[in-house]
Amino acid sequence: MAEETLDLRGIPKPDAYLQLDEHIRAVLTDVRDDVAAMATMSALIHHAFGHLWTGFYRVVETDVLLRVGPYQGTLGCLEIRIGRGVCGTAAAERRTVVVPDVLAFPGHITCDARSRSEIVVPVTGRSGALIAVLDIDSDQVATFDDEDRRGLERIVHWFETESE
């Protein structure tokens, strides 16, 4: 089970996220390395839903700078200043940001021109400090909703309870 990726397209989102969270936790049993967990989560989330881009931007300077981390998809922006764009906003405000249409988001940073909607989830570690954001882009408008927010927040909670 741990070696397979799930295709959860077509399954109701609450069920899909429950299955995905259980699968991720099974794969990451006894793993305490944040980078390995980010790489694994990126791959499993990306393939489960067929997103355009799925990955993490890690905090490299507290309250200043995010740097691309493990991801799936085309090239991402290498660095994003905290407070700028969707990722920087989610990091600065420590809240999940759902953007139905990135063209309508003031200050959106275009890393891939095909991106049309986005969700960014803050990731905190055991100490409660922000360690990264999970960024997911879709090539369709209005892909993400409150079900995605809840499901992804539950998945990244792993870093608060299981990480190094």
Protein backbone atom coordinates (compact mmCIF):
# COMPACT_ATOMS: atom_id res chain seq x y z
CA MET A 1 0.00 0.00 0.00
CA ALA A 2 2.72 2.48 0.91
CA GLU A 3 4.35 2.29 -2.52
CA GLU A 4 1.31 3.23 -4.58
CA THR A 5 -0.18 6.58 -5.50
CA LEU A 6 -3.93 7.02 -5.35
CA ASP A 7 -6.08 8.55 -8.08
CA LEU A 8 -8.92 10.16 -6.16
CA ARG A 9 -10.49 12.17 -8.97
CA GLY A 10 -14.20 11.54 -9.18
CA ILE A 11 -14.53 10.68 -5.48
CA PRO A 12 -16.39 13.18 -3.27
CA LYS A 13 -13.77 15.50 -1.77
CA PRO A 14 -14.42 14.68 1.91
CA ASP A 15 -13.92 10.96 1.19
CA ALA A 16 -10.94 11.61 -1.08
CA TYR A 17 -9.13 13.72 1.52
CA LEU A 18 -9.85 11.19 4.26
CA GLN A 19 -8.36 8.39 2.13
CA LEU A 20 -5.40 10.57 1.15
CA ASP A 21 -4.65 11.60 4.74
CA GLU A 22 -4.73 7.97 5.88
CA HIS A 23 -2.50 6.94 2.98
CA ILE A 24 0.02 9.72 3.63
CA ARG A 25 0.20 8.83 7.33
CA ALA A 26 0.74 5.16 6.46
CA VAL A 27 3.53 6.02 4.00
CA LEU A 28 5.18 8.36 6.51
CA THR A 29 5.06 5.95 9.45
CA ASP A 30 8.32 6.38 11.40
CA VAL A 31 9.50 9.21 9.11
CA ARG A 32 10.56 12.32 11.02
CA ASP A 33 12.28 14.24 8.22
CA ASP A 34 10.39 17.34 7.05
CA VAL A 35 11.90 17.43 3.56
CA ALA A 36 11.13 13.75 2.95
CA ALA A 37 7.58 14.33 4.17
CA MET A 38 7.15 17.39 1.92
CA ALA A 39 8.41 15.44 -1.10
CA THR A 40 6.10 12.52 -0.34
CA MET A 41 3.06 14.70 0.31
CA SER A 42 3.68 16.72 -2.86
CA ALA A 43 3.78 13.57 -4.99
CA LEU A 44 0.75 11.93 -3.38
CA ILE A 45 -1.46 15.05 -3.44
CA HIS A 46 -0.40 15.93 -6.99
CA HIS A 47 -1.17 12.51 -8.44
CA ALA A 48 -4.33 12.00 -6.39
CA PHE A 49 -6.01 15.03 -7.94
CA GLY A 50 -4.02 15.75 -11.12
CA HIS A 51 -3.17 19.33 -10.20
CA LEU A 52 -1.00 21.62 -12.32
CA TRP A 53 1.54 22.28 -9.54
CA THR A 54 1.78 20.93 -5.99
CA GLY A 55 4.55 21.76 -3.59
CA PHE A 56 6.04 23.51 -0.64
CA TYR A 57 7.75 26.83 -0.17
CA ARG A 58 9.96 26.62 2.93
CA VAL A 59 10.64 29.48 5.31
CA VAL A 60 14.34 30.32 4.95
CA GLU A 61 14.25 33.72 6.66
CA THR A 62 11.57 34.13 9.33
CA ASP A 63 8.98 36.74 8.31
CA VAL A 64 11.06 37.57 5.21
CA LEU A 65 11.54 34.83 2.62
CA LEU A 66 10.14 31.56 1.28
CA ARG A 67 12.20 29.28 -1.00
CA VAL A 68 10.88 26.53 -3.22
CA GLY A 69 11.05 23.10 -1.67
CA PRO A 70 9.89 19.68 -2.79
CA TYR A 71 7.24 19.89 -5.51
CA GLN A 72 5.60 18.22 -8.50
CA GLY A 73 4.99 20.10 -11.74
CA THR A 74 6.80 22.59 -13.93
CA LEU A 75 9.40 24.98 -12.55
CA GLY A 76 8.20 27.02 -9.62
CA CYS A 77 9.28 30.46 -8.53
CA LEU A 78 12.54 30.03 -6.65
CA GLU A 79 11.87 32.59 -3.94
CA ILE A 80 8.83 34.49 -2.70
CA ARG A 81 8.94 37.30 -0.19
CA ILE A 82 6.60 36.86 2.75
CA GLY A 83 3.66 39.21 2.25
CA ARG A 84 3.80 39.05 -1.58
CA GLY A 85 1.53 36.99 -3.82
CA VAL A 86 -0.74 34.22 -2.62
CA CYS A 87 2.02 32.20 -0.93
CA GLY A 88 3.49 35.23 0.80
CA THR A 89 0.05 36.37 1.95
CA ALA A 90 -0.78 32.95 3.45
CA ALA A 91 2.59 32.96 5.21
CA ALA A 92 2.25 36.52 6.55
CA GLU A 93 -1.33 36.04 7.73
CA ARG A 94 -0.87 32.42 8.88
CA ARG A 95 -4.13 31.42 7.21
CA THR A 96 -5.19 29.32 4.24
CA VAL A 97 -5.85 31.43 1.15
CA VAL A 98 -8.20 30.10 -1.54
CA VAL A 99 -8.09 32.02 -4.82
CA PRO A 100 -10.83 31.08 -7.32
CA ASP A 101 -9.27 33.19 -10.10
CA VAL A 102 -5.61 34.16 -9.80
CA LEU A 103 -6.08 36.91 -12.39
CA ALA A 104 -8.32 38.70 -9.88
CA PHE A 105 -5.86 38.41 -6.96
CA PRO A 106 -3.97 41.70 -6.47
CA GLY A 107 -0.25 41.07 -6.61
CA HIS A 108 -0.49 37.46 -7.82
CA ILE A 109 2.95 36.14 -8.79
CA THR A 110 2.82 34.16 -12.02
CA CYS A 111 5.16 31.19 -11.94
CA ASP A 112 3.22 29.26 -14.61
CA ALA A 113 0.92 31.22 -16.93
CA ARG A 114 -1.46 28.24 -17.12
CA SER A 115 -2.39 28.62 -13.45
CA ARG A 116 -5.97 29.83 -13.00
CA SER A 117 -6.82 29.02 -9.37
CA GLU A 118 -4.76 28.36 -6.27
CA ILE A 119 -4.86 27.30 -2.65
CA VAL A 120 -2.05 27.94 -0.17
CA VAL A 121 -1.99 26.38 3.30
CA PRO A 122 0.40 27.51 6.07
CA VAL A 123 2.47 24.70 7.60
CA THR A 124 3.57 24.93 11.22
CA GLY A 125 5.99 22.65 13.01
CA ARG A 126 5.91 21.17 16.50
CA SER A 127 6.95 24.50 18.06
CA GLY A 128 4.07 26.32 16.36
CA ALA A 129 6.44 28.30 14.13
CA LEU A 130 5.69 28.63 10.44
CA ILE A 131 8.03 26.27 8.53
CA ALA A 132 6.49 26.37 5.04
CA VAL A 133 3.39 26.82 2.94
CA LEU A 134 1.76 24.16 0.78
CA ASP A 135 0.92 25.67 -2.60
CA ILE A 136 -1.37 24.00 -5.13
CA ASP A 137 -2.26 25.42 -8.53
CA SER A 138 -4.91 24.34 -11.02
CA ASP A 139 -5.31 25.19 -14.68
CA GLN A 140 -9.06 25.57 -14.09
CA VAL A 141 -10.90 28.49 -12.46
CA ALA A 142 -12.53 27.83 -9.06
CA THR A 143 -10.98 24.40 -8.49
CA PHE A 144 -10.53 24.80 -4.73
CA ASP A 145 -13.14 25.25 -2.03
CA ASP A 146 -13.69 24.84 1.70
CA GLU A 147 -13.50 21.02 1.40
CA ASP A 148 -9.99 21.38 -0.04
CA ARG A 149 -9.06 23.79 2.73
CA ARG A 150 -10.22 21.40 5.46
CA GLY A 151 -8.62 18.36 3.81
CA LEU A 152 -5.26 20.00 3.17
CA GLU A 153 -5.12 21.58 6.62
CA ARG A 154 -5.68 18.11 8.10
CA ILE A 155 -2.87 16.66 5.94
CA VAL A 156 -0.27 19.32 6.85
CA HIS A 157 -1.16 18.93 10.53
CA TRP A 158 1.30 16.00 10.29
CA PHE A 159 4.14 18.53 10.70
CA GLU A 160 2.76 19.66 14.09
CA THR A 161 2.59 16.14 15.46
CA GLU A 162 5.08 13.94 13.62
CA SER A 163 7.90 16.05 12.20
CA GLU A 164 11.45 16.44 13.47
